Amino acid sequence: MEAHGRRSPRRSARLSGLALLAACAAIAAAGCGGSGPTPETIYRTYPPSTAGPTATGSGVASTPTSALTAGATATASATPTPTPTPTTTPVAAAPSVSSTTDTSSAPDNRWQVTFRKPVISGVGPAALTAMNDSIATRVSAYISSFNGTPLPVVAAGDGPSTLKGDFSVALASPSLLSLRFTIETYVTGAARPATEAASINFDVASGAVIQFGDLFTGTAAALPVLKTQAQAKLVALLGADLVWPASVTMADFGQGWVFTSGGLELTWSQGAIASMAAGTPKISIAWPALSSVIAPAGPAGGFVQ
């Protein structure tokens, strides 16, 4: 009976150990939940336009992501969208044509020259130089063919031999420049002066001189069409006074030709295809009448497309 009423030493030691662990746990719990120092919370003051701070688990205030997004959106919407500046393609301008007058005379007054020649401006420098140089060369050739030949001494009661040159603009566009020349020559003692028809035509972009044959698909195709069209108009203009060459070549059309908006204008020198009294015959062939022989990529292609 005594053995059942008394605890053994081993059991008593185990119970004492458990009691000690329980006491330690109670003390630890009391220390954690007691009145120790409260963690410090730090507050930051933000500008009025910024969303207020939100405390984080670390104790440091931060701005919520939604506030940052709202702020960024507000800033982006406040920035005005720039209005695109419209761009325009520069429109090429037609060349401007003015004039200057060249005058010269022989030391013995045997001849005199007065030539009003064109001066081009308003285009690129390379084309400008090319065109004005070509005009100067052409005018010099007209003058040289006059005073470079032996001219008689001034006839009694008459004046010196003269050359009077002039020009007019047939067409001035951003792509083409077409100029007519008239060269009136008089030899002292003659009954009357004679007038020569001439022309010069330019590609404005390059300043190159356009040749008559450049307009057509080829001589073989163009010549019969030109002959038919020109002869019909010349007969109507001159009637029986027309002296048409027996064998017509392209050279018979290419002395005084120019572009016009309405057609190909052809002029002949005085006495070339009619009597001197007929002056300088002039006709114009409408572009549609030449459409079958105009080169589409040539300088006259734009008139028939």
Protein backbone atom coordinates (compact mmCIF):
# COMPACT_ATOMS: atom_id res chain seq x y z
CA MET A 1 0.00 0.00 0.00
CA GLU A 2 2.80 2.40 0.77
CA ALA A 3 4.27 1.75 -2.64
CA HIS A 4 1.09 3.01 -4.32
CA GLY A 5 0.75 6.19 -2.10
CA ARG A 6 4.25 7.50 -2.69
CA ARG A 7 5.73 8.83 -5.96
CA SER A 8 8.88 7.42 -7.19
CA PRO A 9 11.94 9.73 -7.38
CA ARG A 10 12.07 9.41 -11.19
CA ARG A 11 8.47 10.56 -11.66
CA SER A 12 8.94 13.46 -9.29
CA ALA A 13 11.96 14.69 -11.27
CA ARG A 14 10.00 14.52 -14.55
CA LEU A 15 7.12 16.53 -13.11
CA SER A 16 9.54 19.13 -11.79
CA GLY A 17 11.05 19.51 -15.26
CA LEU A 18 7.66 20.02 -16.90
CA ALA A 19 6.75 22.62 -14.32
CA LEU A 20 9.96 24.48 -15.02
CA LEU A 21 9.28 24.53 -18.80
CA ALA A 22 5.75 25.81 -18.23
CA ALA A 23 7.01 28.60 -16.02
CA CYS A 24 9.55 29.68 -18.65
CA ALA A 25 6.88 29.71 -21.34
CA ALA A 26 4.63 31.86 -19.16
CA ILE A 27 7.43 34.32 -18.52
CA ALA A 28 8.25 34.51 -22.27
CA ALA A 29 4.62 35.10 -23.13
CA ALA A 30 4.37 37.83 -20.55
CA GLY A 31 7.50 39.49 -21.95
CA CYS A 32 6.20 39.46 -25.56
CA GLY A 33 2.78 40.84 -24.70
CA GLY A 34 3.85 43.23 -22.03
CA SER A 35 4.22 46.98 -22.02
CA GLY A 36 7.54 47.12 -23.91
CA PRO A 37 8.36 49.99 -26.42
CA THR A 38 5.97 50.38 -29.43
CA PRO A 39 7.62 50.18 -32.89
CA GLU A 40 8.13 53.68 -34.39
CA THR A 41 5.98 54.73 -37.38
CA ILE A 42 7.56 57.34 -39.71
CA TYR A 43 5.23 59.66 -41.65
CA ARG A 44 6.25 61.58 -44.80
CA THR A 45 4.49 64.68 -46.05
CA TYR A 46 3.78 64.64 -49.81
CA PRO A 47 2.80 67.51 -52.13
CA PRO A 48 -0.95 68.11 -52.44
CA SER A 49 -1.03 66.55 -55.91
CA THR A 50 0.44 63.27 -54.62
CA ALA A 51 -1.68 60.58 -52.99
CA GLY A 52 -1.27 60.26 -49.22
CA PRO A 53 1.14 57.79 -47.58
CA THR A 54 0.20 54.26 -46.64
CA ALA A 55 2.03 52.55 -43.83
CA THR A 56 3.78 49.39 -44.78
CA GLY A 57 4.65 46.44 -42.69
CA SER A 58 8.17 47.78 -42.28
CA GLY A 59 6.88 50.87 -40.53
CA VAL A 60 7.93 53.23 -43.37
CA ALA A 61 5.16 55.15 -45.21
CA SER A 62 5.03 54.70 -49.01
CA THR A 63 2.87 55.88 -51.91
CA PRO A 64 0.48 53.24 -53.28
CA THR A 65 1.05 52.03 -56.82
CA SER A 66 -2.43 53.22 -57.80
CA ALA A 67 -1.54 56.75 -56.67
CA LEU A 68 1.63 56.75 -58.76
CA THR A 69 -0.29 55.54 -61.80
CA ALA A 70 -2.92 58.22 -61.30
CA GLY A 71 -0.25 60.88 -60.97
CA ALA A 72 1.52 59.72 -64.12
CA THR A 73 -1.75 59.69 -66.04
CA ALA A 74 -2.61 63.17 -64.89
CA THR A 75 0.81 64.45 -65.93
CA ALA A 76 0.60 62.83 -69.38
CA SER A 77 -2.88 64.19 -70.02
CA ALA A 78 -1.75 67.67 -69.03
CA THR A 79 0.93 67.71 -71.74
CA PRO A 80 -0.54 69.08 -75.01
CA THR A 81 -0.13 66.89 -78.09
CA PRO A 82 1.95 68.82 -80.63
CA THR A 83 0.09 69.66 -83.83
CA PRO A 84 1.97 68.24 -86.84
CA THR A 85 3.27 70.88 -89.19
CA PRO A 86 1.91 70.30 -92.69
CA THR A 87 4.54 69.75 -95.33
CA THR A 88 4.20 71.02 -98.87
CA THR A 89 6.09 70.01 -101.97
CA PRO A 90 7.73 73.03 -103.59
CA VAL A 91 6.18 73.86 -106.91
CA ALA A 92 8.68 74.51 -109.67
CA ALA A 93 8.39 77.96 -111.16
CA ALA A 94 8.64 78.96 -114.77
CA PRO A 95 11.82 80.84 -115.69
CA SER A 96 11.73 84.62 -115.94
CA VAL A 97 12.84 86.27 -119.15
CA SER A 98 14.22 89.80 -119.34
CA SER A 99 16.42 91.33 -122.02
CA THR A 100 19.58 93.21 -122.76
CA THR A 101 20.62 94.92 -125.97
CA ASP A 102 23.93 94.31 -127.68
CA THR A 103 25.15 97.01 -130.05
CA SER A 104 28.26 97.23 -132.21
CA SER A 105 29.42 98.91 -135.40
CA ALA A 106 32.29 98.78 -137.87
CA PRO A 107 35.12 101.31 -137.42
CA ASP A 108 34.30 102.78 -140.82
CA ASN A 109 30.54 102.67 -140.15
CA ARG A 110 30.06 100.07 -142.89
CA TRP A 111 27.70 98.07 -140.68
CA GLN A 112 25.77 98.40 -137.44
CA VAL A 113 24.27 95.77 -135.16
CA THR A 114 21.49 96.12 -132.61
CA PHE A 115 20.30 92.90 -131.01
CA ARG A 116 17.84 92.66 -128.13
CA LYS A 117 18.57 89.28 -126.64
CA PRO A 118 16.85 87.33 -123.85
CA VAL A 119 18.30 86.95 -120.37
CA ILE A 120 17.02 84.06 -118.26
CA SER A 121 16.60 84.05 -114.48
CA GLY A 122 14.58 82.25 -111.82
CA VAL A 123 15.99 78.73 -112.29
CA GLY A 124 18.79 76.69 -110.74
CA PRO A 125 22.33 77.98 -111.25
CA ALA A 126 23.49 75.14 -113.51
CA ALA A 127 20.48 75.39 -115.83
CA LEU A 128 20.65 79.19 -115.72
CA THR A 129 24.27 79.23 -116.86
CA ALA A 130 23.61 76.67 -119.58
CA MET A 131 20.65 78.56 -121.04
CA ASN A 132 22.23 82.00 -121.00
CA ASP A 133 25.45 80.63 -122.49
CA SER A 134 23.50 78.94 -125.30
CA ILE A 135 21.63 82.15 -126.03
CA ALA A 136 24.85 84.16 -126.11
CA THR A 137 26.42 81.63 -128.47
CA ARG A 138 23.38 81.64 -130.76
CA VAL A 139 23.19 85.44 -130.89
CA SER A 140 26.92 85.72 -131.57
CA ALA A 141 26.51 83.30 -134.48
CA TYR A 142 23.75 85.44 -136.00
CA ILE A 143 25.90 88.55 -135.71
CA SER A 144 29.04 86.86 -137.05
CA SER A 145 27.22 85.53 -140.10
CA PHE A 146 26.24 89.12 -140.87
CA ASN A 147 29.33 91.20 -140.22
CA GLY A 148 31.75 88.35 -140.91
CA THR A 149 30.99 88.53 -144.63
CA PRO A 150 32.31 91.31 -146.87
CA LEU A 151 29.76 94.13 -146.78
CA PRO A 152 29.86 96.93 -149.33
CA VAL A 153 30.90 100.47 -148.58
CA VAL A 154 27.93 102.62 -147.69
CA ALA A 155 26.06 103.46 -150.86
CA ALA A 156 25.63 107.07 -151.78
CA GLY A 157 22.52 108.48 -150.18
CA ASP A 158 22.03 105.36 -148.07
CA GLY A 159 22.92 104.19 -144.59
CA PRO A 160 25.18 101.37 -143.45
CA SER A 161 24.26 97.70 -143.64
CA THR A 162 22.34 96.74 -140.49
CA LEU A 163 21.30 93.78 -138.43
CA LYS A 164 18.38 94.16 -136.04
CA GLY A 165 17.65 91.22 -133.79
CA ASP A 166 14.68 90.68 -131.48
CA PHE A 167 12.90 87.89 -129.64
CA SER A 168 9.55 86.92 -128.12
CA VAL A 169 8.51 84.25 -125.62
CA ALA A 170 6.38 81.48 -127.12
CA LEU A 171 6.16 79.38 -123.94
CA ALA A 172 7.62 79.65 -120.44
CA SER A 173 6.65 76.78 -118.14
CA PRO A 174 8.38 74.95 -115.28
CA SER A 175 9.57 72.34 -117.80
CA LEU A 176 9.96 74.15 -121.14
CA LEU A 177 11.18 77.51 -122.37
CA SER A 178 10.58 78.37 -126.00
CA LEU A 179 11.85 81.58 -127.63
CA ARG A 180 11.29 82.98 -131.11
CA PHE A 181 13.97 85.05 -132.84
CA THR A 182 13.58 87.46 -135.72
CA ILE A 183 16.74 88.70 -137.43
CA GLU A 184 16.25 91.49 -139.92
CA THR A 185 19.23 92.23 -142.13
CA TYR A 186 19.71 95.02 -144.60
CA VAL A 187 22.59 95.49 -147.01
CA THR A 188 23.27 99.05 -148.05
CA GLY A 189 21.90 99.77 -151.52
CA ALA A 190 19.36 96.88 -151.44
CA ALA A 191 15.68 97.39 -152.22
CA ARG A 192 14.47 96.13 -148.85
CA PRO A 193 15.59 94.24 -145.73
CA ALA A 194 15.09 90.49 -145.30
CA THR A 195 13.84 88.76 -142.16
CA GLU A 196 15.08 85.40 -140.93
CA ALA A 197 13.01 83.28 -138.57
CA ALA A 198 14.81 81.33 -135.86
CA SER A 199 14.20 79.90 -132.43
CA ILE A 200 15.76 78.27 -129.40
CA ASN A 201 14.06 75.81 -127.05
CA PHE A 202 15.18 74.60 -123.64
CA ASP A 203 14.60 71.86 -121.14
CA VAL A 204 14.28 74.02 -118.01
CA ALA A 205 15.49 71.41 -115.52
CA SER A 206 18.84 70.85 -117.23
CA GLY A 207 19.18 73.96 -119.38
CA ALA A 208 19.85 71.76 -122.43
CA VAL A 209 18.84 72.93 -125.90
CA ILE A 210 16.06 70.78 -127.38
CA GLN A 211 16.54 69.70 -130.99
CA PHE A 212 13.57 69.44 -133.35
CA GLY A 213 14.01 65.70 -133.82
CA ASP A 214 13.78 65.15 -130.05
CA LEU A 215 10.02 65.69 -130.24
CA PHE A 216 9.26 62.65 -132.37
CA THR A 217 9.40 58.88 -132.31
CA GLY A 218 11.56 58.97 -135.43
CA THR A 219 12.10 60.85 -138.69
CA ALA A 220 10.56 58.16 -140.90
CA ALA A 221 7.27 58.31 -138.97
CA ALA A 222 7.20 62.05 -138.31
CA LEU A 223 8.11 63.47 -141.73
CA PRO A 224 5.01 62.42 -143.70
CA VAL A 225 2.69 63.56 -140.90
CA LEU A 226 4.43 66.95 -140.66
CA LYS A 227 4.38 67.36 -144.42
CA THR A 228 0.67 66.59 -144.71
CA GLN A 229 -0.35 68.81 -141.80
CA ALA A 230 1.92 71.74 -142.73
CA GLN A 231 1.17 71.74 -146.44
CA ALA A 232 -2.59 71.84 -145.87
CA LYS A 233 -2.25 74.86 -143.58
CA LEU A 234 0.26 76.66 -145.82
CA VAL A 235 -1.96 76.25 -148.87
CA ALA A 236 -4.80 77.80 -146.88
CA LEU A 237 -2.49 80.64 -145.79
CA LEU A 238 -0.52 81.36 -148.97
CA GLY A 239 -2.50 79.84 -151.81
CA ALA A 240 -0.65 79.95 -155.12
CA ASP A 241 2.21 81.88 -153.53
CA LEU A 242 3.39 78.72 -151.76
CA VAL A 243 6.64 77.35 -153.12
CA TRP A 244 6.83 73.91 -151.51
CA PRO A 245 10.12 72.01 -151.88
CA ALA A 246 10.00 69.03 -154.22
CA SER A 247 11.72 66.88 -151.62
CA VAL A 248 10.83 67.88 -148.07
CA THR A 249 13.22 67.06 -145.21
CA MET A 250 13.07 67.65 -141.46
CA ALA A 251 15.36 70.66 -141.97
CA ASP A 252 12.51 72.39 -143.83
CA PHE A 253 10.55 72.49 -140.56
CA GLY A 254 13.26 72.97 -137.99
CA GLN A 255 14.48 76.52 -138.53
CA GLY A 256 11.87 78.48 -136.61
CA TRP A 257 9.85 76.06 -134.47
CA VAL A 258 8.55 76.63 -130.95
CA PHE A 259 6.31 75.01 -128.36
CA THR A 260 3.00 76.67 -127.62
CA SER A 261 0.23 75.40 -125.35
CA GLY A 262 -2.04 74.91 -128.38
CA GLY A 263 0.33 73.26 -130.81
CA LEU A 264 3.65 73.11 -132.63
CA GLU A 265 4.31 76.51 -134.19
CA LEU A 266 6.39 76.64 -137.40
CA THR A 267 7.75 79.82 -139.00
CA TRP A 268 9.72 80.18 -142.23
CA SER A 269 12.17 82.89 -143.15
CA GLN A 270 11.15 85.49 -145.68
CA GLY A 271 11.46 84.11 -149.24
CA ALA A 272 12.01 80.48 -148.11
CA ILE A 273 8.67 79.01 -149.21
CA ALA A 274 6.89 82.03 -150.72
CA SER A 275 7.62 85.40 -152.27
CA MET A 276 9.32 88.12 -150.23
CA ALA A 277 5.97 89.91 -150.08
CA ALA A 278 4.58 87.06 -147.95
CA GLY A 279 6.92 87.96 -145.11
CA THR A 280 7.58 85.16 -142.62
CA PRO A 281 4.78 82.58 -142.98
CA LYS A 282 3.63 81.05 -139.70
CA ILE A 283 1.33 78.13 -138.93
CA SER A 284 0.44 76.07 -135.86
CA ILE A 285 -0.29 72.34 -135.90
CA ALA A 286 -2.47 71.25 -132.98
CA TRP A 287 -0.85 68.67 -130.69
CA PRO A 288 -3.61 66.05 -131.16
CA ALA A 289 -2.90 66.03 -134.90
CA LEU A 290 0.70 64.97 -134.10
CA SER A 291 -0.04 62.55 -131.26
CA SER A 292 0.78 59.46 -133.34
CA VAL A 293 4.38 60.58 -133.89
CA ILE A 294 5.20 62.50 -130.68
CA ALA A 295 7.61 60.60 -128.43
CA PRO A 296 5.72 59.96 -125.14
CA ALA A 297 8.90 60.39 -123.08
CA GLY A 298 10.17 63.30 -125.18
CA PRO A 299 9.86 67.02 -124.43
CA ALA A 300 6.47 67.28 -126.18
CA GLY A 301 5.05 64.14 -124.58
CA GLY A 302 3.11 66.11 -121.99
CA PHE A 303 1.06 67.83 -124.68
CA VAL A 304 -0.45 64.61 -126.04
CA GLN A 305 -0.92 62.51 -122.88
